[in-house]
Amino acid sequence: MNSTATATLIEQGPAPGPAAAISTSPRPGIDAIKAKMKATWMDGDYARFATYMAPGARKILAEWKMERGERLLDVGCGAGQTAIPAAHRGLRVHGIDIASNLVSHARRRATEEGVEALFEEGDVEELPFPDASFDVVISLIGAIFAPRPELAAAELARVCRAGGRLYMANWTAGGMVGQMFKTIAGQVPPPPGVPSPMLWGDEETVLQRLAGRFSEIRLTRKVYPAWQFPFAPSDVVAFFRTNYGPVKRAFEALDTAGQRSLHAGLEAVFSAHNSAGDGAAELTAEYLEVTAVR
């Protein structure tokens, strides 16, 4: 699959102090929202789910400028699908994720593959690192799910050293994953007051969130490479339902009729974005690539 389309270059002035003018006061219910999010991402079997995304993750990682020996933070590292390949490339890797079971999986995998990488449970809205701890900060479909994106953006900037780089891959609202979440929301509404994660795939929103913290912001819409399944879209729905926490939880919240309706809706989304045939699926999922300099 080929990458697409529009690139944006924005030059910003020097970044102000971290999290300036941003309120960190807890919003009513935020602890409950985060607890539910954590339980969702720990449900299913994301480590298995991520095996089908891993080839694309490695291709995206290979395009990001990183040097051997640099300190790298992978935010929302999941089961290590980007952090561990980065460690193989000789970077000094630290991964963080809200789901403790995925952190444990990433640690085991790093040990099995004989690479040095540190993994710990943590929250992108309150990263447990000193200022300017990393040369490179990356997030491949991870930080976008934080319920308070203004805090996430401030923390991504705070832990990145001056002159360091930020790389993100964020789903777009109009792409396959955005349409998948839209279909789910039509039957199982998301928590009120939480911005859509897909806003991290909107150029204007990203510029607003990163402006003043990063310079040389480049935004490019691309298609996630090599997201392939050896079974048809209907079985892809079943795979997501079993292994991908957000979809699994959505099905569990519905009665039998609602589950049939959701299955049909998701199958339609996957079929519309399937570039393969003959009982297979190659999903064309658009994302926004974000690159910036601290």
C-alpha atoms as a PDB file:
ATOM      1  CA  MET A   1       0.000   0.000   0.000  1.00  0.00           C
ATOM      2  CA  ASN A   2       1.293   3.434  -0.850  1.00  0.00           C
ATOM      3  CA  SER A   3       1.405   6.405   1.430  1.00  0.00           C
ATOM      4  CA  THR A   4      -0.829   9.370   0.688  1.00  0.00           C
ATOM      5  CA  ALA A   5      -0.993  12.814   0.552  1.00  0.00           C
ATOM      6  CA  THR A   6      -0.909  16.177   2.225  1.00  0.00           C
ATOM      7  CA  ALA A   7       2.091  17.477   4.133  1.00  0.00           C
ATOM      8  CA  THR A   8       2.132  20.551   6.356  1.00  0.00           C
ATOM      9  CA  LEU A   9       5.191  22.402   7.637  1.00  0.00           C
ATOM     10  CA  ILE A  10       4.746  24.867  10.481  1.00  0.00           C
ATOM     11  CA  GLU A  11       7.556  26.817  12.137  1.00  0.00           C
ATOM     12  CA  GLN A  12       6.912  27.818  15.734  1.00  0.00           C
ATOM     13  CA  GLY A  13       8.822  30.040  18.106  1.00  0.00           C
ATOM     14  CA  PRO A  14      10.616  28.892  21.240  1.00  0.00           C
ATOM     15  CA  ALA A  15       8.588  26.647  23.478  1.00  0.00           C
ATOM     16  CA  PRO A  16       7.359  28.011  26.789  1.00  0.00           C
ATOM     17  CA  GLY A  17       7.784  26.146  30.050  1.00  0.00           C
ATOM     18  CA  PRO A  18       6.133  22.734  30.321  1.00  0.00           C
ATOM     19  CA  ALA A  19       2.385  22.674  30.799  1.00  0.00           C
ATOM     20  CA  ALA A  20       2.209  26.449  31.170  1.00  0.00           C
ATOM     21  CA  ALA A  21      -1.342  27.768  31.521  1.00  0.00           C
ATOM     22  CA  ILE A  22      -2.748  24.244  31.621  1.00  0.00           C
ATOM     23  CA  SER A  23      -4.940  23.242  34.500  1.00  0.00           C
ATOM     24  CA  THR A  24      -4.092  19.940  36.137  1.00  0.00           C
ATOM     25  CA  SER A  25      -7.094  20.044  38.445  1.00  0.00           C
ATOM     26  CA  PRO A  26      -8.937  16.724  38.354  1.00  0.00           C
ATOM     27  CA  ARG A  27     -12.190  16.743  36.425  1.00  0.00           C
ATOM     28  CA  PRO A  28     -15.118  15.036  38.143  1.00  0.00           C
ATOM     29  CA  GLY A  29     -15.124  11.400  37.149  1.00  0.00           C
ATOM     30  CA  ILE A  30     -11.687  11.400  35.502  1.00  0.00           C
ATOM     31  CA  ASP A  31     -10.387   8.661  37.798  1.00  0.00           C
ATOM     32  CA  ALA A  32     -13.356   6.468  36.894  1.00  0.00           C
ATOM     33  CA  ILE A  33     -12.859   7.186  33.199  1.00  0.00           C
ATOM     34  CA  LYS A  34      -9.181   6.242  33.388  1.00  0.00           C
ATOM     35  CA  ALA A  35      -9.919   3.095  35.377  1.00  0.00           C
ATOM     36  CA  LYS A  36     -12.404   2.012  32.713  1.00  0.00           C
ATOM     37  CA  MET A  37      -9.927   2.794  29.939  1.00  0.00           C
ATOM     38  CA  LYS A  38      -7.224   0.768  31.663  1.00  0.00           C
ATOM     39  CA  ALA A  39      -9.578  -2.199  32.100  1.00  0.00           C
ATOM     40  CA  THR A  40     -10.557  -1.954  28.438  1.00  0.00           C
ATOM     41  CA  TRP A  41      -6.976  -2.073  27.184  1.00  0.00           C
ATOM     42  CA  MET A  42      -6.159  -4.946  29.525  1.00  0.00           C
ATOM     43  CA  ASP A  43      -9.138  -6.943  28.230  1.00  0.00           C
ATOM     44  CA  GLY A  44      -8.893  -9.348  25.324  1.00  0.00           C
ATOM     45  CA  ASP A  45      -5.430 -10.251  24.056  1.00  0.00           C
ATOM     46  CA  TYR A  46      -3.802  -7.137  22.645  1.00  0.00           C
ATOM     47  CA  ALA A  47      -0.432  -8.872  22.396  1.00  0.00           C
ATOM     48  CA  ARG A  48      -1.959 -11.318  19.918  1.00  0.00           C
ATOM     49  CA  PHE A  49      -3.878  -8.531  18.177  1.00  0.00           C
ATOM     50  CA  ALA A  50      -0.677  -6.521  17.741  1.00  0.00           C
ATOM     51  CA  THR A  51       1.100  -9.314  15.866  1.00  0.00           C
ATOM     52  CA  TYR A  52      -0.878  -8.336  12.772  1.00  0.00           C
ATOM     53  CA  MET A  53       0.106  -4.678  13.210  1.00  0.00           C
ATOM     54  CA  ALA A  54       3.775  -5.394  13.912  1.00  0.00           C
ATOM     55  CA  PRO A  55       5.009  -5.472  10.276  1.00  0.00           C
ATOM     56  CA  GLY A  56       3.487  -2.059   9.649  1.00  0.00           C
ATOM     57  CA  ALA A  57       4.865  -0.722  12.931  1.00  0.00           C
ATOM     58  CA  ARG A  58       8.370  -1.777  11.927  1.00  0.00           C
ATOM     59  CA  LYS A  59       8.020  -0.047   8.553  1.00  0.00           C
ATOM     60  CA  ILE A  60       6.841   3.167  10.180  1.00  0.00           C
ATOM     61  CA  LEU A  61       9.651   3.010  12.729  1.00  0.00           C
ATOM     62  CA  ALA A  62      12.230   2.589   9.961  1.00  0.00           C
ATOM     63  CA  GLU A  63      11.104   5.898   8.425  1.00  0.00           C
ATOM     64  CA  TRP A  64      11.620   7.883  11.639  1.00  0.00           C
ATOM     65  CA  LYS A  65      15.040   9.465  12.147  1.00  0.00           C
ATOM     66  CA  MET A  66      16.734   7.823  15.124  1.00  0.00           C
ATOM     67  CA  GLU A  67      20.357   7.190  15.930  1.00  0.00           C
ATOM     68  CA  ARG A  68      21.995   4.333  17.783  1.00  0.00           C
ATOM     69  CA  GLY A  69      22.492   5.202  21.452  1.00  0.00           C
ATOM     70  CA  GLU A  70      19.751   7.822  21.612  1.00  0.00           C
ATOM     71  CA  ARG A  71      17.315   7.773  24.524  1.00  0.00           C
ATOM     72  CA  LEU A  72      13.860   6.857  23.237  1.00  0.00           C
ATOM     73  CA  LEU A  73      10.503   6.916  25.014  1.00  0.00           C
ATOM     74  CA  ASP A  74       7.667   4.898  23.480  1.00  0.00           C
ATOM     75  CA  VAL A  75       4.374   6.247  24.870  1.00  0.00           C
ATOM     76  CA  GLY A  76       1.564   3.708  24.806  1.00  0.00           C
ATOM     77  CA  CYS A  77       4.065   0.987  23.993  1.00  0.00           C
ATOM     78  CA  GLY A  78       1.521  -1.827  24.166  1.00  0.00           C
ATOM     79  CA  ALA A  79       3.176  -5.215  23.855  1.00  0.00           C
ATOM     80  CA  GLY A  80       6.433  -3.670  22.607  1.00  0.00           C
ATOM     81  CA  GLN A  81       5.723  -3.772  18.884  1.00  0.00           C
ATOM     82  CA  THR A  82       7.759  -0.591  18.271  1.00  0.00           C
ATOM     83  CA  ALA A  83       9.910  -0.374  21.385  1.00  0.00           C
ATOM     84  CA  ILE A  84      11.582  -3.755  20.933  1.00  0.00           C
ATOM     85  CA  PRO A  85      12.496  -3.225  17.258  1.00  0.00           C
ATOM     86  CA  ALA A  86      13.919   0.154  18.304  1.00  0.00           C
ATOM     87  CA  ALA A  87      16.011  -1.596  20.955  1.00  0.00           C
ATOM     88  CA  HIS A  88      17.286  -3.994  18.289  1.00  0.00           C
ATOM     89  CA  ARG A  89      18.480  -0.905  16.394  1.00  0.00           C
ATOM     90  CA  GLY A  90      20.629   0.091  19.360  1.00  0.00           C
ATOM     91  CA  LEU A  91      18.480   2.788  20.919  1.00  0.00           C
ATOM     92  CA  ARG A  92      18.207   3.099  24.698  1.00  0.00           C
ATOM     93  CA  VAL A  93      14.512   2.333  24.973  1.00  0.00           C
ATOM     94  CA  HIS A  94      11.992   3.040  27.676  1.00  0.00           C
ATOM     95  CA  GLY A  95       8.370   2.023  27.070  1.00  0.00           C
ATOM     96  CA  ILE A  96       5.340   3.071  29.086  1.00  0.00           C
ATOM     97  CA  ASP A  97       1.740   1.919  28.935  1.00  0.00           C
ATOM     98  CA  ILE A  98      -1.397   2.136  31.062  1.00  0.00           C
ATOM     99  CA  ALA A  99      -2.036  -1.617  30.783  1.00  0.00           C
ATOM    100  CA  SER A 100       0.093  -3.565  33.253  1.00  0.00           C
ATOM    101  CA  ASN A 101      -0.407  -6.903  31.480  1.00  0.00           C
ATOM    102  CA  LEU A 102       1.002  -5.445  28.257  1.00  0.00           C
ATOM    103  CA  VAL A 103       3.987  -4.039  30.137  1.00  0.00           C
ATOM    104  CA  SER A 104       4.649  -7.523  31.528  1.00  0.00           C
ATOM    105  CA  HIS A 105       4.362  -9.019  28.047  1.00  0.00           C
ATOM    106  CA  ALA A 106       6.811  -6.461  26.623  1.00  0.00           C
ATOM    107  CA  ARG A 107       9.314  -7.222  29.385  1.00  0.00           C
ATOM    108  CA  ARG A 108       9.130 -10.960  28.689  1.00  0.00           C
ATOM    109  CA  ARG A 109       9.525 -10.433  24.980  1.00  0.00           C
ATOM    110  CA  ALA A 110      12.556  -8.186  25.462  1.00  0.00           C
ATOM    111  CA  THR A 111      14.165 -10.871  27.619  1.00  0.00           C
ATOM    112  CA  GLU A 112      13.362 -13.580  25.086  1.00  0.00           C
ATOM    113  CA  GLU A 113      14.842 -11.535  22.247  1.00  0.00           C
ATOM    114  CA  GLY A 114      17.907 -10.558  24.251  1.00  0.00           C
ATOM    115  CA  VAL A 115      17.542  -6.798  24.023  1.00  0.00           C
ATOM    116  CA  GLU A 116      17.848  -4.151  26.721  1.00  0.00           C
ATOM    117  CA  ALA A 117      14.632  -2.160  27.095  1.00  0.00           C
ATOM    118  CA  LEU A 118      12.843  -0.853  30.160  1.00  0.00           C
ATOM    119  CA  PHE A 119       9.066  -1.058  30.439  1.00  0.00           C
ATOM    120  CA  GLU A 120       6.777   0.295  33.119  1.00  0.00           C
ATOM    121  CA  GLU A 121       3.147   1.069  33.780  1.00  0.00           C
ATOM    122  CA  GLY A 122       2.309   4.743  33.553  1.00  0.00           C
ATOM    123  CA  ASP A 123       0.062   7.520  32.318  1.00  0.00           C
ATOM    124  CA  VAL A 124       0.914   9.835  29.424  1.00  0.00           C
ATOM    125  CA  GLU A 125      -0.838  12.653  31.271  1.00  0.00           C
ATOM    126  CA  GLU A 126       1.676  12.339  34.119  1.00  0.00           C
ATOM    127  CA  LEU A 127       4.866  10.756  32.818  1.00  0.00           C
ATOM    128  CA  PRO A 128       7.197   9.550  35.614  1.00  0.00           C
ATOM    129  CA  PHE A 129      10.351  11.087  34.135  1.00  0.00           C
ATOM    130  CA  PRO A 130      12.335  14.285  34.726  1.00  0.00           C
ATOM    131  CA  ASP A 131      12.250  17.110  32.210  1.00  0.00           C
ATOM    132  CA  ALA A 132      14.270  16.593  29.011  1.00  0.00           C
ATOM    133  CA  SER A 133      14.875  12.892  29.705  1.00  0.00           C
ATOM    134  CA  PHE A 134      14.721  11.694  26.088  1.00  0.00           C
ATOM    135  CA  ASP A 135      16.200  12.465  22.699  1.00  0.00           C
ATOM    136  CA  VAL A 136      13.228  10.957  20.867  1.00  0.00           C
ATOM    137  CA  VAL A 137       9.616  10.549  21.968  1.00  0.00           C
ATOM    138  CA  ILE A 138       7.342   8.342  19.866  1.00  0.00           C
ATOM    139  CA  SER A 139       3.738   7.222  20.029  1.00  0.00           C
ATOM    140  CA  LEU A 140       2.325   4.829  17.483  1.00  0.00           C
ATOM    141  CA  ILE A 141      -1.453   4.828  18.070  1.00  0.00           C
ATOM    142  CA  GLY A 142      -1.029   5.235  21.824  1.00  0.00           C
ATOM    143  CA  ALA A 143      -1.121   8.745  23.299  1.00  0.00           C
ATOM    144  CA  ILE A 144      -4.219   9.599  21.255  1.00  0.00           C
ATOM    145  CA  PHE A 145      -6.431   7.735  23.739  1.00  0.00           C
ATOM    146  CA  ALA A 146      -5.536   9.917  26.741  1.00  0.00           C
ATOM    147  CA  PRO A 147      -8.783  11.566  27.921  1.00  0.00           C
ATOM    148  CA  ARG A 148      -7.120  14.973  28.448  1.00  0.00           C
ATOM    149  CA  PRO A 149      -5.085  15.623  25.304  1.00  0.00           C
ATOM    150  CA  GLU A 150      -3.855  19.022  26.453  1.00  0.00           C
ATOM    151  CA  LEU A 151      -2.046  17.345  29.354  1.00  0.00           C
ATOM    152  CA  ALA A 152      -0.715  14.594  27.089  1.00  0.00           C
ATOM    153  CA  ALA A 153       0.714  17.159  24.667  1.00  0.00           C
ATOM    154  CA  ALA A 154       2.365  19.063  27.511  1.00  0.00           C
ATOM    155  CA  GLU A 155       3.953  15.893  28.882  1.00  0.00           C
ATOM    156  CA  LEU A 156       5.244  14.757  25.482  1.00  0.00           C
ATOM    157  CA  ALA A 157       7.018  18.105  25.237  1.00  0.00           C
ATOM    158  CA  ARG A 158       8.240  18.194  28.827  1.00  0.00           C
ATOM    159  CA  VAL A 159      10.172  14.911  28.702  1.00  0.00           C
ATOM    160  CA  CYS A 160      11.751  15.633  25.311  1.00  0.00           C
ATOM    161  CA  ARG A 161      15.060  17.526  25.372  1.00  0.00           C
ATOM    162  CA  ALA A 162      15.561  20.754  23.443  1.00  0.00           C
ATOM    163  CA  GLY A 163      16.340  19.791  19.864  1.00  0.00           C
ATOM    164  CA  GLY A 164      14.849  16.324  20.368  1.00  0.00           C
ATOM    165  CA  ARG A 165      12.183  14.877  18.101  1.00  0.00           C
ATOM    166  CA  LEU A 166       8.567  13.814  18.436  1.00  0.00           C
ATOM    167  CA  TYR A 167       7.067  11.187  16.138  1.00  0.00           C
ATOM    168  CA  MET A 168       3.425  10.111  16.216  1.00  0.00           C
ATOM    169  CA  ALA A 169       1.115   7.965  14.092  1.00  0.00           C
ATOM    170  CA  ASN A 170      -2.527   8.877  14.798  1.00  0.00           C
ATOM    171  CA  TRP A 171      -5.702   7.442  13.316  1.00  0.00           C
ATOM    172  CA  THR A 172      -7.887   9.861  11.343  1.00  0.00           C
ATOM    173  CA  ALA A 173     -11.654  10.235  11.685  1.00  0.00           C
ATOM    174  CA  GLY A 174     -12.298   9.529   8.006  1.00  0.00           C
ATOM    175  CA  GLY A 175     -10.084   6.454   7.827  1.00  0.00           C
ATOM    176  CA  MET A 176     -11.035   2.878   8.555  1.00  0.00           C
ATOM    177  CA  VAL A 177     -10.295   2.951  12.282  1.00  0.00           C
ATOM    178  CA  GLY A 178     -12.094   6.262  12.693  1.00  0.00           C
ATOM    179  CA  GLN A 179     -15.122   4.774  10.967  1.00  0.00           C
ATOM    180  CA  MET A 180     -14.858   1.685  13.160  1.00  0.00           C
ATOM    181  CA  PHE A 181     -15.007   3.791  16.318  1.00  0.00           C
ATOM    182  CA  LYS A 182     -17.852   5.858  14.841  1.00  0.00           C
ATOM    183  CA  THR A 183     -19.808   2.645  14.246  1.00  0.00           C
ATOM    184  CA  ILE A 184     -19.162   1.516  17.820  1.00  0.00           C
ATOM    185  CA  ALA A 185     -20.172   4.913  19.221  1.00  0.00           C
ATOM    186  CA  GLY A 186     -23.465   4.662  17.380  1.00  0.00           C
ATOM    187  CA  GLN A 187     -24.384   1.723  19.611  1.00  0.00           C
ATOM    188  CA  VAL A 188     -22.210   2.217  22.703  1.00  0.00           C
ATOM    189  CA  PRO A 189     -21.663   5.953  23.303  1.00  0.00           C
ATOM    190  CA  PRO A 190     -18.243   6.975  24.689  1.00  0.00           C
ATOM    191  CA  PRO A 191     -17.913   8.746  28.071  1.00  0.00           C
ATOM    192  CA  PRO A 192     -19.352  12.272  27.912  1.00  0.00           C
ATOM    193  CA  GLY A 193     -16.867  15.118  27.831  1.00  0.00           C
ATOM    194  CA  VAL A 194     -13.913  13.061  26.557  1.00  0.00           C
ATOM    195  CA  PRO A 195     -12.575  14.355  23.205  1.00  0.00           C
ATOM    196  CA  SER A 196     -12.461  11.862  20.371  1.00  0.00           C
ATOM    197  CA  PRO A 197      -9.034  10.216  19.979  1.00  0.00           C
ATOM    198  CA  MET A 198      -9.456  10.791  16.237  1.00  0.00           C
ATOM    199  CA  LEU A 199      -8.914  14.536  16.770  1.00  0.00           C
ATOM    200  CA  TRP A 200      -5.215  13.641  16.977  1.00  0.00           C
ATOM    201  CA  GLY A 201      -5.643  12.806  13.282  1.00  0.00           C
ATOM    202  CA  ASP A 202      -6.898  16.307  12.447  1.00  0.00           C
ATOM    203  CA  GLU A 203      -4.186  18.670  11.270  1.00  0.00           C
ATOM    204  CA  GLU A 204      -5.634  21.862  12.745  1.00  0.00           C
ATOM    205  CA  THR A 205      -6.184  20.242  16.147  1.00  0.00           C
ATOM    206  CA  VAL A 206      -2.674  18.804  16.253  1.00  0.00           C
ATOM    207  CA  LEU A 207      -1.162  22.170  15.387  1.00  0.00           C
ATOM    208  CA  GLN A 208      -3.139  23.803  18.194  1.00  0.00           C
ATOM    209  CA  ARG A 209      -1.973  21.178  20.697  1.00  0.00           C
ATOM    210  CA  LEU A 210       1.693  21.268  19.726  1.00  0.00           C
ATOM    211  CA  ALA A 211       2.084  24.966  18.899  1.00  0.00           C
ATOM    212  CA  GLY A 212       4.514  26.737  21.214  1.00  0.00           C
ATOM    213  CA  ARG A 213       5.949  23.439  22.408  1.00  0.00           C
ATOM    214  CA  PHE A 214       7.466  22.109  19.178  1.00  0.00           C
ATOM    215  CA  SER A 215       8.842  23.577  15.960  1.00  0.00           C
ATOM    216  CA  GLU A 216       9.184  22.212  12.418  1.00  0.00           C
ATOM    217  CA  ILE A 217       5.844  20.423  12.751  1.00  0.00           C
ATOM    218  CA  ARG A 218       5.183  18.249   9.709  1.00  0.00           C
ATOM    219  CA  LEU A 219       1.858  16.491   9.214  1.00  0.00           C
ATOM    220  CA  THR A 220       1.376  13.881   6.514  1.00  0.00           C
ATOM    221  CA  ARG A 221      -1.597  11.613   5.874  1.00  0.00           C
ATOM    222  CA  LYS A 222      -0.541   8.061   5.113  1.00  0.00           C
ATOM    223  CA  VAL A 223      -1.967   4.551   4.950  1.00  0.00           C
ATOM    224  CA  TYR A 224      -0.896   2.060   7.611  1.00  0.00           C
ATOM    225  CA  PRO A 225       1.416  -0.371   5.808  1.00  0.00           C
ATOM    226  CA  ALA A 226       0.907  -4.109   5.648  1.00  0.00           C
ATOM    227  CA  TRP A 227      -2.094  -4.601   7.955  1.00  0.00           C
ATOM    228  CA  GLN A 228      -3.075  -8.001   6.628  1.00  0.00           C
ATOM    229  CA  PHE A 229      -5.237 -10.871   7.856  1.00  0.00           C
ATOM    230  CA  PRO A 230      -5.466 -14.363   6.340  1.00  0.00           C
ATOM    231  CA  PHE A 231      -9.258 -14.369   6.710  1.00  0.00           C
ATOM    232  CA  ALA A 232     -12.280 -12.475   5.410  1.00  0.00           C
ATOM    233  CA  PRO A 233     -13.720  -9.234   6.905  1.00  0.00           C
ATOM    234  CA  SER A 234     -16.426 -11.090   8.847  1.00  0.00           C
ATOM    235  CA  ASP A 235     -13.726 -13.099  10.601  1.00  0.00           C
ATOM    236  CA  VAL A 236     -11.713  -9.920  11.142  1.00  0.00           C
ATOM    237  CA  VAL A 237     -14.689  -8.647  13.161  1.00  0.00           C
ATOM    238  CA  ALA A 238     -14.612 -11.846  15.219  1.00  0.00           C
ATOM    239  CA  PHE A 239     -10.855 -11.451  15.728  1.00  0.00           C
ATOM    240  CA  PHE A 240     -11.285  -7.864  16.942  1.00  0.00           C
ATOM    241  CA  ARG A 241     -14.164  -8.949  19.174  1.00  0.00           C
ATOM    242  CA  THR A 242     -12.001 -11.556  20.875  1.00  0.00           C
ATOM    243  CA  ASN A 243      -8.695  -9.725  21.119  1.00  0.00           C
ATOM    244  CA  TYR A 244      -9.122  -5.943  20.844  1.00  0.00           C
ATOM    245  CA  GLY A 245     -10.356  -4.516  24.140  1.00  0.00           C
ATOM    246  CA  PRO A 246     -12.491  -1.601  22.845  1.00  0.00           C
ATOM    247  CA  VAL A 247     -14.372  -3.846  20.428  1.00  0.00           C
ATOM    248  CA  LYS A 248     -14.676  -6.686  22.929  1.00  0.00           C
ATOM    249  CA  ARG A 249     -16.154  -4.368  25.552  1.00  0.00           C
ATOM    250  CA  ALA A 250     -18.573  -2.853  23.038  1.00  0.00           C
ATOM    251  CA  PHE A 251     -20.001  -6.265  22.141  1.00  0.00           C
ATOM    252  CA  GLU A 252     -20.314  -7.197  25.800  1.00  0.00           C
ATOM    253  CA  ALA A 253     -22.372  -4.057  26.456  1.00  0.00           C
ATOM    254  CA  LEU A 254     -25.026  -5.057  23.886  1.00  0.00           C
ATOM    255  CA  ASP A 255     -27.832  -7.568  23.753  1.00  0.00           C
ATOM    256  CA  THR A 256     -27.996 -10.210  21.035  1.00  0.00           C
ATOM    257  CA  ALA A 257     -29.720  -7.964  18.514  1.00  0.00           C
ATOM    258  CA  GLY A 258     -27.257  -5.157  19.203  1.00  0.00           C
ATOM    259  CA  GLN A 259     -24.327  -7.520  18.772  1.00  0.00           C
ATOM    260  CA  ARG A 260     -25.642  -8.655  15.383  1.00  0.00           C
ATOM    261  CA  SER A 261     -26.070  -5.044  14.328  1.00  0.00           C
ATOM    262  CA  LEU A 262     -22.579  -4.085  15.485  1.00  0.00           C
ATOM    263  CA  HIS A 263     -21.031  -7.089  13.739  1.00  0.00           C
ATOM    264  CA  ALA A 264     -22.763  -6.112  10.491  1.00  0.00           C
ATOM    265  CA  GLY A 265     -21.662  -2.504  10.835  1.00  0.00           C
ATOM    266  CA  LEU A 266     -18.030  -3.395  11.503  1.00  0.00           C
ATOM    267  CA  GLU A 267     -17.981  -5.938   8.704  1.00  0.00           C
ATOM    268  CA  ALA A 268     -19.206  -3.222   6.351  1.00  0.00           C
ATOM    269  CA  VAL A 269     -16.435  -0.875   7.492  1.00  0.00           C
ATOM    270  CA  PHE A 270     -13.733  -3.508   7.081  1.00  0.00           C
ATOM    271  CA  SER A 271     -15.100  -4.600   3.697  1.00  0.00           C
ATOM    272  CA  ALA A 272     -15.145  -1.014   2.436  1.00  0.00           C
ATOM    273  CA  HIS A 273     -11.470  -0.623   3.353  1.00  0.00           C
ATOM    274  CA  ASN A 274     -10.287  -4.050   2.218  1.00  0.00           C
ATOM    275  CA  SER A 275      -7.875  -4.061  -0.717  1.00  0.00           C
ATOM    276  CA  ALA A 276      -7.542  -7.861  -0.788  1.00  0.00           C
ATOM    277  CA  GLY A 277      -9.887 -10.570  -1.980  1.00  0.00           C
ATOM    278  CA  ASP A 278     -10.352 -14.328  -1.948  1.00  0.00           C
ATOM    279  CA  GLY A 279     -11.180 -14.631   1.719  1.00  0.00           C
ATOM    280  CA  ALA A 280      -8.393 -12.372   3.005  1.00  0.00           C
ATOM    281  CA  ALA A 281      -8.210  -8.831   4.308  1.00  0.00           C
ATOM    282  CA  GLU A 282      -5.644  -6.089   3.780  1.00  0.00           C
ATOM    283  CA  LEU A 283      -6.986  -3.087   5.631  1.00  0.00           C
ATOM    284  CA  THR A 284      -6.323   0.388   4.260  1.00  0.00           C
ATOM    285  CA  ALA A 285      -6.310   2.421   7.461  1.00  0.00           C
ATOM    286  CA  GLU A 286      -5.408   6.098   7.155  1.00  0.00           C
ATOM    287  CA  TYR A 287      -3.293   7.767   9.825  1.00  0.00           C
ATOM    288  CA  LEU A 288      -1.697  11.158  10.342  1.00  0.00           C
ATOM    289  CA  GLU A 289       2.053  11.094  10.737  1.00  0.00           C
ATOM    290  CA  VAL A 290       3.330  13.826  13.051  1.00  0.00           C
ATOM    291  CA  THR A 291       6.988  14.799  13.176  1.00  0.00           C
ATOM    292  CA  ALA A 292       8.259  17.771  15.175  1.00  0.00           C
ATOM    293  CA  VAL A 293      11.331  19.203  16.901  1.00  0.00           C
ATOM    294  CA  ARG A 294      11.327  20.280  20.536  1.00  0.00           C
END
